[in-house]
Amino acid sequence: MSKLFFTFAILVIGLIAVLKLYKKPVLANSGSKSGTVIILNGPSGSGKSSVQKEFQKLCMPNLWIKVGIDNLFDNVMPEITPENMSFWQSENPIRWIETSKDKEENPIVTLFVGKQGEQVAYAMNSAIAAYAKNGCNVIVDYIAYKKEWFADLQQKLASIKTYYIAVEIPLEILEQREAARGTSPKGHARSHYFYVYGDKKYDLTVNSHKNSAKDIALQIKEFIEK
């Protein structure tokens, strides 16, 4: 009888062990409070990434991660090389650019996004929200190339504490920076400069011509801590 009981006990213990293996794991962050999001929206070259870096330093040891249009949209795309340049200069399912001129003969280099590229843009918005929902504080370098992107971002962040900040700079100064940096073709900033802010009411507006990145980072920190 004791032998039978011992065998039964071993079977029960083994069954419990197996059930534990198949038990749905509890996520470490389950029920944790969402982080805060800061959206820095403005044209290409307006200094948003510099503000991100300064803001991170000011907030240490409290962690703020920096994400945005570069690492969540641009850098995940196929590489642009001299060999495939023609592909990116004509309509395709991913993205392409077209060159033109305005009434004053200023060059304009406009980014267009195909269906597959649109999926990446909306995934970028989802990723921003996911970081915050997992408890991360996030400061974002954003360019609202399309009003639909911005609307989708706002919808996905609706339940998360979010500050929308417009980063302004005179177009003349912006194009001087654009030429000096050489990281984007002349005329790219002009292509979206006049509509990038949309009709949204921002929580804060900063000027990256009148103020340094460090000064702006301090402005933002003081504003959200009020």
Protein backbone atom coordinates (compact mmCIF):
# COMPACT_ATOMS: atom_id res chain seq x y z
CA MET A 1 0.00 0.00 0.00
CA SER A 2 2.78 2.39 0.89
CA LYS A 3 4.51 1.55 -2.39
CA LEU A 4 1.32 2.35 -4.32
CA PHE A 5 0.94 5.62 -2.44
CA PHE A 6 4.56 6.54 -3.17
CA THR A 7 4.07 5.86 -6.90
CA PHE A 8 0.88 7.94 -6.92
CA ALA A 9 2.66 10.83 -5.18
CA ILE A 10 5.46 10.79 -7.76
CA LEU A 11 2.88 10.92 -10.58
CA VAL A 12 1.09 13.85 -8.97
CA ILE A 13 4.33 15.78 -8.45
CA GLY A 14 5.30 15.11 -12.07
CA LEU A 15 1.92 16.29 -13.32
CA ILE A 16 2.20 19.51 -11.31
CA ALA A 17 5.63 20.13 -12.79
CA VAL A 18 4.30 19.66 -16.33
CA LEU A 19 1.37 21.99 -15.67
CA LYS A 20 3.76 24.67 -14.45
CA LEU A 21 5.72 24.41 -17.66
CA TYR A 22 2.59 25.02 -19.71
CA LYS A 23 1.13 27.66 -17.46
CA LYS A 24 0.85 31.01 -19.20
CA PRO A 25 3.74 33.17 -17.97
CA VAL A 26 3.01 36.39 -16.13
CA LEU A 27 4.84 39.27 -17.76
CA ALA A 28 7.21 41.12 -15.48
CA ASN A 29 5.63 44.45 -16.39
CA SER A 30 2.03 43.25 -16.13
CA GLY A 31 -0.08 46.03 -14.63
CA SER A 32 2.77 48.52 -14.61
CA LYS A 33 2.07 52.19 -15.12
CA SER A 34 2.57 53.54 -18.63
CA GLY A 35 5.44 55.87 -19.30
CA THR A 36 5.17 59.45 -20.55
CA VAL A 37 5.66 60.42 -24.19
CA ILE A 38 7.03 63.67 -25.62
CA ILE A 39 6.47 64.20 -29.34
CA LEU A 40 8.86 66.69 -30.95
CA ASN A 41 7.26 67.49 -34.28
CA GLY A 42 8.93 69.71 -36.85
CA PRO A 43 10.66 69.74 -40.23
CA SER A 44 13.76 67.78 -41.10
CA GLY A 45 16.89 69.46 -39.77
CA SER A 46 15.15 71.54 -37.11
CA GLY A 47 17.31 70.14 -34.31
CA LYS A 48 14.95 67.62 -32.73
CA SER A 49 17.54 64.86 -32.34
CA SER A 50 19.90 67.28 -30.57
CA VAL A 51 17.10 68.20 -28.18
CA GLN A 52 16.49 64.51 -27.50
CA LYS A 53 20.12 63.96 -26.48
CA GLU A 54 20.21 67.01 -24.22
CA PHE A 55 16.90 66.06 -22.62
CA GLN A 56 18.18 62.56 -21.86
CA LYS A 57 21.24 63.99 -20.11
CA LEU A 58 19.17 66.44 -18.07
CA CYS A 59 16.83 63.71 -16.85
CA MET A 60 19.48 61.19 -15.77
CA PRO A 61 19.33 58.92 -13.81
CA ASN A 62 15.64 58.83 -14.79
CA LEU A 63 15.60 57.06 -18.17
CA TRP A 64 14.05 58.63 -21.24
CA ILE A 65 14.58 56.65 -24.44
CA LYS A 66 14.89 58.46 -27.77
CA VAL A 67 13.18 57.06 -30.84
CA GLY A 68 11.71 58.53 -33.99
CA ILE A 69 11.54 58.90 -37.72
CA ASP A 70 15.18 57.92 -38.26
CA ASN A 71 15.45 54.68 -36.32
CA LEU A 72 11.83 53.50 -36.61
CA PHE A 73 11.09 54.46 -40.22
CA ASP A 74 14.13 55.46 -42.27
CA ASN A 75 16.79 53.07 -40.94
CA VAL A 76 14.63 49.97 -41.28
CA MET A 77 14.21 50.54 -45.04
CA PRO A 78 16.41 48.92 -47.73
CA GLU A 79 19.70 50.73 -48.24
CA ILE A 80 19.93 53.40 -50.94
CA THR A 81 22.98 52.90 -53.12
CA PRO A 82 24.25 54.33 -56.43
CA GLU A 83 23.27 51.05 -58.08
CA ASN A 84 19.61 51.19 -57.03
CA MET A 85 19.18 54.97 -57.05
CA SER A 86 16.81 54.91 -60.02
CA PHE A 87 14.41 52.70 -58.07
CA TRP A 88 14.04 55.35 -55.35
CA GLN A 89 13.46 58.09 -57.92
CA SER A 90 10.34 56.56 -59.44
CA GLU A 91 7.02 55.39 -58.01
CA ASN A 92 7.22 52.07 -56.16
CA PRO A 93 5.46 50.25 -53.29
CA ILE A 94 7.94 51.46 -50.65
CA ARG A 95 8.93 55.12 -51.04
CA TRP A 96 10.42 57.48 -53.59
CA ILE A 97 11.36 61.11 -54.09
CA GLU A 98 10.41 63.60 -56.79
CA THR A 99 12.13 66.90 -57.52
CA SER A 100 10.39 70.10 -58.57
CA LYS A 101 10.55 73.87 -58.07
CA ASP A 102 8.22 76.38 -56.47
CA LYS A 103 7.11 79.72 -57.95
CA GLU A 104 10.39 81.34 -56.90
CA GLU A 105 12.41 78.55 -58.52
CA ASN A 106 13.48 77.11 -55.18
CA PRO A 107 14.21 73.37 -55.42
CA ILE A 108 11.77 71.03 -53.71
CA VAL A 109 12.53 67.37 -52.99
CA THR A 110 9.33 65.62 -51.93
CA LEU A 111 9.09 62.24 -50.23
CA PHE A 112 6.26 59.97 -51.36
CA VAL A 113 5.36 56.75 -49.56
CA GLY A 114 3.85 53.65 -51.16
CA LYS A 115 1.55 51.07 -49.56
CA GLN A 116 4.36 49.06 -47.99
CA GLY A 117 6.02 52.22 -46.69
CA GLU A 118 2.73 53.33 -45.16
CA GLN A 119 2.66 50.08 -43.18
CA VAL A 120 6.08 50.97 -41.75
CA ALA A 121 4.87 54.45 -40.76
CA TYR A 122 1.87 53.09 -38.87
CA ALA A 123 4.06 50.41 -37.27
CA MET A 124 6.38 53.22 -36.12
CA ASN A 125 3.44 54.80 -34.31
CA SER A 126 2.54 51.47 -32.73
CA ALA A 127 6.14 50.98 -31.57
CA ILE A 128 6.17 54.40 -29.89
CA ALA A 129 2.98 53.51 -28.02
CA ALA A 130 4.33 50.03 -27.12
CA TYR A 131 7.42 51.48 -25.45
CA ALA A 132 5.24 53.71 -23.29
CA LYS A 133 2.76 50.94 -22.46
CA ASN A 134 5.69 48.90 -21.15
CA GLY A 135 6.55 51.68 -18.71
CA CYS A 136 9.21 53.54 -20.71
CA ASN A 137 9.39 57.32 -20.88
CA VAL A 138 9.85 58.24 -24.54
CA ILE A 139 10.99 61.39 -26.34
CA VAL A 140 10.27 61.21 -30.06
CA ASP A 141 11.81 62.93 -33.10
CA TYR A 142 8.78 63.09 -35.41
CA ILE A 143 8.06 64.52 -38.85
CA ALA A 144 4.37 64.49 -39.70
CA TYR A 145 4.83 63.97 -43.43
CA LYS A 146 1.13 63.10 -43.66
CA LYS A 147 -1.77 64.23 -41.53
CA GLU A 148 -3.00 60.63 -41.47
CA TRP A 149 0.23 59.53 -39.77
CA PHE A 150 -0.17 62.16 -37.09
CA ALA A 151 -3.84 61.33 -36.53
CA ASP A 152 -2.97 57.65 -36.15
CA LEU A 153 -0.21 58.51 -33.67
CA GLN A 154 -2.59 60.61 -31.58
CA GLN A 155 -5.15 57.80 -31.55
CA LYS A 156 -2.58 55.23 -30.43
CA LEU A 157 -1.34 57.52 -27.66
CA ALA A 158 -4.81 58.55 -26.50
CA SER A 159 -4.59 56.58 -23.23
CA ILE A 160 -0.98 57.63 -22.53
CA LYS A 161 0.25 60.87 -20.97
CA THR A 162 1.63 62.69 -24.01
CA TYR A 163 3.04 66.16 -24.61
CA TYR A 164 3.00 67.47 -28.17
CA ILE A 165 5.73 70.01 -28.81
CA ALA A 166 6.22 71.98 -32.03
CA VAL A 167 9.87 72.65 -32.89
CA GLU A 168 9.90 75.82 -35.00
CA ILE A 169 12.68 77.41 -37.04
CA PRO A 170 12.67 80.00 -39.87
CA LEU A 171 12.82 78.35 -43.29
CA GLU A 172 15.86 80.43 -44.31
CA ILE A 173 17.85 79.23 -41.30
CA LEU A 174 16.62 75.67 -41.79
CA GLU A 175 17.88 75.58 -45.36
CA GLN A 176 21.24 76.95 -44.29
CA ARG A 177 21.50 74.07 -41.82
CA GLU A 178 20.33 71.63 -44.45
CA ALA A 179 23.11 72.71 -46.81
CA ALA A 180 25.74 72.64 -44.06
CA ARG A 181 24.79 69.18 -42.78
CA GLY A 182 24.48 67.52 -46.16
CA THR A 183 22.42 64.71 -44.67
CA SER A 184 19.42 65.41 -46.89
CA PRO A 185 19.13 67.00 -50.34
CA LYS A 186 18.49 70.72 -50.60
CA GLY A 187 14.77 71.27 -50.92
CA HIS A 188 13.66 68.39 -48.71
CA ALA A 189 12.84 70.55 -45.68
CA ARG A 190 10.97 73.03 -47.89
CA SER A 191 8.80 70.21 -49.28
CA HIS A 192 6.99 69.71 -45.95
CA TYR A 193 7.81 72.91 -44.04
CA PHE A 194 4.44 74.62 -44.58
CA TYR A 195 2.21 71.74 -43.50
CA VAL A 196 4.24 69.62 -41.07
CA TYR A 197 2.62 71.14 -37.95
CA GLY A 198 -0.91 70.58 -39.20
CA ASP A 199 -3.79 72.25 -37.39
CA LYS A 200 -3.08 70.67 -34.01
CA LYS A 201 -2.94 72.77 -30.85
CA TYR A 202 0.44 72.02 -29.24
CA ASP A 203 1.16 71.85 -25.54
CA LEU A 204 4.37 73.81 -26.06
CA THR A 205 6.12 75.56 -28.95
CA VAL A 206 9.89 76.01 -28.97
CA ASN A 207 12.24 77.80 -31.38
CA SER A 208 15.48 76.04 -32.31
CA HIS A 209 16.93 79.15 -33.96
CA LYS A 210 16.62 81.42 -30.94
CA ASN A 211 17.48 78.72 -28.40
CA SER A 212 20.14 76.01 -28.16
CA ALA A 213 19.20 72.35 -27.89
CA LYS A 214 20.20 72.40 -24.22
CA ASP A 215 18.01 75.44 -23.51
CA ILE A 216 15.05 73.80 -25.25
CA ALA A 217 15.58 70.57 -23.33
CA LEU A 218 15.48 72.57 -20.09
CA GLN A 219 12.31 74.36 -21.23
CA ILE A 220 10.64 71.03 -21.87
CA LYS A 221 11.79 69.51 -18.58
CA GLU A 222 10.51 72.48 -16.59
CA PHE A 223 7.23 72.46 -18.51
CA ILE A 224 6.39 68.79 -17.89
CA GLU A 225 7.43 68.99 -14.24
CA LYS A 226 4.94 71.75 -13.45
